[in-house]
Amino acid sequence: MTAPFLSLAQILNRLALTARWILRDHQPTPCGRCPICHTADCAVATAARNVLEATRRMRWGDPVQQQAATDPAAPDHDEPRQAG
């Protein structure tokens, strides 16, 4: 199938699979260096981790945003006001 016919879930699945594949290829050796980039801090692996984090947020929601949405500090207009 081509991109216009893919659902959001299918696109997220493909992104996650690609990111996992990249992380597998760029897994550090015992000395801590990427076997492909030959650096200690592999930018490609970092980008793949960021993609996985973004897809997780898209699927399950961002806990920080959910906490802000359910913050009890916001006034509830349905409760009666107290005189005082």
N, C-alpha and C. Protein backbone atom coordinates (compact mmCIF):
# COMPACT_ATOMS: atom_id res chain seq x y z
N MET A 1 0.84 -1.19 0.00
CA MET A 1 0.00 0.00 0.00
C MET A 1 0.88 1.25 0.00
N THR A 2 0.35 2.28 -0.52
CA THR A 2 1.08 3.55 -0.54
C THR A 2 0.62 4.42 0.62
N ALA A 3 1.40 5.43 0.90
CA ALA A 3 1.20 6.26 2.08
C ALA A 3 -0.19 6.87 2.23
N PRO A 4 -0.83 7.38 1.18
CA PRO A 4 -2.14 8.00 1.41
C PRO A 4 -3.19 7.02 1.93
N PHE A 5 -2.96 5.73 1.75
CA PHE A 5 -3.94 4.75 2.17
C PHE A 5 -3.60 4.10 3.50
N LEU A 6 -2.55 4.55 4.16
CA LEU A 6 -2.17 3.98 5.44
C LEU A 6 -2.86 4.73 6.58
N SER A 7 -3.25 3.99 7.58
CA SER A 7 -3.83 4.62 8.76
C SER A 7 -2.70 5.15 9.65
N LEU A 8 -3.06 5.97 10.62
CA LEU A 8 -2.06 6.50 11.54
C LEU A 8 -1.38 5.37 12.30
N ALA A 9 -2.13 4.36 12.69
CA ALA A 9 -1.55 3.22 13.41
C ALA A 9 -0.52 2.49 12.55
N GLN A 10 -0.80 2.32 11.27
CA GLN A 10 0.14 1.65 10.38
C GLN A 10 1.41 2.47 10.20
N ILE A 11 1.27 3.78 10.09
CA ILE A 11 2.44 4.64 9.95
C ILE A 11 3.28 4.59 11.22
N LEU A 12 2.64 4.64 12.39
CA LEU A 12 3.37 4.56 13.66
C LEU A 12 4.08 3.21 13.79
N ASN A 13 3.42 2.14 13.36
CA ASN A 13 4.05 0.82 13.42
C ASN A 13 5.28 0.75 12.53
N ARG A 14 5.20 1.31 11.35
CA ARG A 14 6.36 1.30 10.45
C ARG A 14 7.50 2.14 11.00
N LEU A 15 7.17 3.29 11.59
CA LEU A 15 8.21 4.11 12.21
C LEU A 15 8.89 3.37 13.36
N ALA A 16 8.09 2.71 14.19
CA ALA A 16 8.64 1.97 15.33
C ALA A 16 9.51 0.81 14.86
N LEU A 17 9.06 0.07 13.85
CA LEU A 17 9.86 -1.04 13.35
C LEU A 17 11.18 -0.56 12.77
N THR A 18 11.15 0.54 12.05
CA THR A 18 12.38 1.08 11.47
C THR A 18 13.32 1.56 12.57
N ALA A 19 12.79 2.21 13.59
CA ALA A 19 13.62 2.69 14.69
C ALA A 19 14.25 1.52 15.45
N ARG A 20 13.49 0.46 15.66
CA ARG A 20 14.05 -0.73 16.33
C ARG A 20 15.15 -1.38 15.50
N TRP A 21 14.93 -1.43 14.19
CA TRP A 21 15.93 -1.99 13.29
C TRP A 21 17.22 -1.18 13.36
N ILE A 22 17.09 0.14 13.38
CA ILE A 22 18.26 1.02 13.48
C ILE A 22 18.97 0.82 14.81
N LEU A 23 18.21 0.73 15.90
CA LEU A 23 18.83 0.53 17.21
C LEU A 23 19.56 -0.81 17.28
N ARG A 24 19.02 -1.82 16.63
CA ARG A 24 19.69 -3.11 16.62
C ARG A 24 21.03 -3.01 15.87
N ASP A 25 21.04 -2.32 14.74
CA ASP A 25 22.28 -2.17 13.97
C ASP A 25 23.30 -1.27 14.66
N HIS A 26 22.83 -0.28 15.39
CA HIS A 26 23.72 0.70 16.03
C HIS A 26 23.92 0.40 17.52
N GLN A 27 23.69 -0.83 17.92
CA GLN A 27 23.87 -1.20 19.33
C GLN A 27 25.36 -1.12 19.69
N PRO A 28 25.69 -0.43 20.77
CA PRO A 28 27.10 -0.26 21.13
C PRO A 28 27.80 -1.59 21.43
N THR A 29 29.06 -1.64 21.09
CA THR A 29 29.89 -2.81 21.40
C THR A 29 30.26 -2.75 22.88
N PRO A 30 30.91 -3.77 23.42
CA PRO A 30 31.30 -3.73 24.84
C PRO A 30 32.18 -2.54 25.21
N CYS A 31 32.91 -1.99 24.24
CA CYS A 31 33.74 -0.82 24.54
C CYS A 31 32.91 0.47 24.54
N GLY A 32 31.62 0.40 24.17
CA GLY A 32 30.74 1.57 24.23
C GLY A 32 30.64 2.36 22.95
N ARG A 33 31.23 1.87 21.87
CA ARG A 33 31.19 2.59 20.58
C ARG A 33 30.21 1.94 19.63
N CYS A 34 29.60 2.76 18.80
CA CYS A 34 28.69 2.27 17.77
C CYS A 34 29.51 1.54 16.70
N PRO A 35 29.12 0.33 16.31
CA PRO A 35 29.92 -0.40 15.31
C PRO A 35 29.84 0.20 13.90
N ILE A 36 28.85 1.02 13.64
CA ILE A 36 28.70 1.61 12.31
C ILE A 36 29.30 3.02 12.27
N CYS A 37 28.94 3.84 13.27
CA CYS A 37 29.41 5.23 13.29
C CYS A 37 30.79 5.36 13.95
N HIS A 38 31.18 4.38 14.75
CA HIS A 38 32.46 4.39 15.47
C HIS A 38 32.57 5.58 16.41
N THR A 39 31.45 5.96 17.03
CA THR A 39 31.46 7.04 18.01
C THR A 39 30.83 6.53 19.29
N ALA A 40 31.15 7.18 20.40
CA ALA A 40 30.59 6.78 21.69
C ALA A 40 29.14 7.23 21.82
N ASP A 41 28.82 8.39 21.27
CA ASP A 41 27.45 8.92 21.32
C ASP A 41 26.90 8.95 19.90
N CYS A 42 26.20 7.87 19.52
CA CYS A 42 25.70 7.73 18.15
C CYS A 42 24.45 8.58 17.95
N ALA A 43 24.52 9.53 17.05
CA ALA A 43 23.38 10.42 16.78
C ALA A 43 22.23 9.66 16.14
N VAL A 44 22.53 8.64 15.35
CA VAL A 44 21.48 7.87 14.68
C VAL A 44 20.68 7.08 15.71
N ALA A 45 21.37 6.46 16.67
CA ALA A 45 20.68 5.72 17.73
C ALA A 45 19.86 6.67 18.60
N THR A 46 20.37 7.85 18.86
CA THR A 46 19.62 8.83 19.64
C THR A 46 18.35 9.25 18.90
N ALA A 47 18.46 9.46 17.60
CA ALA A 47 17.28 9.82 16.81
C ALA A 47 16.26 8.68 16.80
N ALA A 48 16.73 7.44 16.72
CA ALA A 48 15.82 6.29 16.75
C ALA A 48 15.11 6.19 18.10
N ARG A 49 15.83 6.45 19.19
CA ARG A 49 15.19 6.46 20.51
C ARG A 49 14.14 7.57 20.61
N ASN A 50 14.43 8.71 20.03
CA ASN A 50 13.46 9.82 20.03
C ASN A 50 12.21 9.46 19.23
N VAL A 51 12.39 8.76 18.12
CA VAL A 51 11.24 8.33 17.31
C VAL A 51 10.38 7.35 18.11
N LEU A 52 11.02 6.41 18.80
CA LEU A 52 10.26 5.45 19.62
C LEU A 52 9.51 6.17 20.74
N GLU A 53 10.13 7.16 21.34
CA GLU A 53 9.46 7.93 22.39
C GLU A 53 8.28 8.71 21.83
N ALA A 54 8.45 9.29 20.66
CA ALA A 54 7.36 10.05 20.03
C ALA A 54 6.19 9.14 19.65
N THR A 55 6.50 7.96 19.14
CA THR A 55 5.41 7.04 18.78
C THR A 55 4.71 6.54 20.03
N ARG A 56 5.45 6.36 21.12
CA ARG A 56 4.82 5.96 22.38
C ARG A 56 3.86 7.05 22.87
N ARG A 57 4.28 8.29 22.74
CA ARG A 57 3.41 9.39 23.16
C ARG A 57 2.16 9.48 22.29
N MET A 58 2.33 9.24 20.99
CA MET A 58 1.17 9.29 20.09
C MET A 58 0.18 8.18 20.41
N ARG A 59 0.68 7.00 20.77
CA ARG A 59 -0.21 5.87 21.05
C ARG A 59 -0.85 5.96 22.42
N TRP A 60 -0.07 6.26 23.44
CA TRP A 60 -0.55 6.17 24.81
C TRP A 60 -0.76 7.52 25.47
N GLY A 61 -0.40 8.59 24.83
CA GLY A 61 -0.57 9.92 25.39
C GLY A 61 0.61 10.31 26.25
N ASP A 62 0.82 11.57 26.36
CA ASP A 62 1.92 12.11 27.15
C ASP A 62 1.47 12.22 28.60
N PRO A 63 2.14 11.57 29.56
CA PRO A 63 1.70 11.65 30.95
C PRO A 63 1.72 13.07 31.51
N VAL A 64 2.61 13.92 31.02
CA VAL A 64 2.66 15.30 31.51
C VAL A 64 1.41 16.05 31.06
N GLN A 65 1.00 15.86 29.81
CA GLN A 65 -0.20 16.52 29.31
C GLN A 65 -1.44 15.97 30.00
N GLN A 66 -1.47 14.66 30.27
CA GLN A 66 -2.62 14.07 30.95
C GLN A 66 -2.73 14.60 32.36
N GLN A 67 -1.59 14.78 33.05
CA GLN A 67 -1.61 15.31 34.40
C GLN A 67 -2.13 16.75 34.40
N ALA A 68 -1.73 17.54 33.42
CA ALA A 68 -2.20 18.93 33.34
C ALA A 68 -3.69 18.98 33.04
N ALA A 69 -4.17 18.02 32.25
CA ALA A 69 -5.59 18.01 31.91
C ALA A 69 -6.45 17.62 33.10
N THR A 70 -5.91 16.82 34.01
CA THR A 70 -6.69 16.38 35.17
C THR A 70 -6.22 17.06 36.45
N ASP A 71 -5.62 18.23 36.34
CA ASP A 71 -5.10 18.95 37.50
C ASP A 71 -6.25 19.40 38.39
N PRO A 72 -6.25 18.96 39.67
CA PRO A 72 -7.34 19.35 40.56
C PRO A 72 -7.28 20.82 40.98
N ALA A 73 -6.19 21.52 40.68
CA ALA A 73 -6.08 22.92 41.07
C ALA A 73 -7.00 23.82 40.24
N ALA A 74 -7.45 23.34 39.12
CA ALA A 74 -8.34 24.14 38.28
C ALA A 74 -9.71 24.24 38.96
N PRO A 75 -10.30 25.43 38.97
CA PRO A 75 -11.60 25.57 39.64
C PRO A 75 -12.70 24.81 38.91
N ASP A 76 -13.57 24.21 39.68
CA ASP A 76 -14.70 23.47 39.12
C ASP A 76 -15.91 24.37 39.20
N HIS A 77 -16.47 24.71 38.08
CA HIS A 77 -17.59 25.66 38.04
C HIS A 77 -18.91 25.02 38.43
N ASP A 78 -18.95 23.70 38.58
CA ASP A 78 -20.17 23.01 38.97
C ASP A 78 -20.38 23.02 40.48
N GLU A 79 -19.30 23.23 41.25
CA GLU A 79 -19.42 23.23 42.69
C GLU A 79 -19.95 24.59 43.17
N PRO A 80 -20.78 24.58 44.20
CA PRO A 80 -21.29 25.87 44.72
C PRO A 80 -20.16 26.65 45.39
N ARG A 81 -20.27 27.97 45.32
CA ARG A 81 -19.28 28.82 45.94
C ARG A 81 -19.52 28.90 47.44
N GLN A 82 -18.44 29.02 48.19
CA GLN A 82 -18.58 29.15 49.64
C GLN A 82 -18.59 30.62 50.00
N ALA A 83 -19.49 30.97 50.89
CA ALA A 83 -19.55 32.37 51.35
C ALA A 83 -18.45 32.56 52.39
N GLY A 84 -17.89 33.70 52.36
CA GLY A 84 -16.89 33.85 53.39
C GLY A 84 -16.06 34.99 53.21
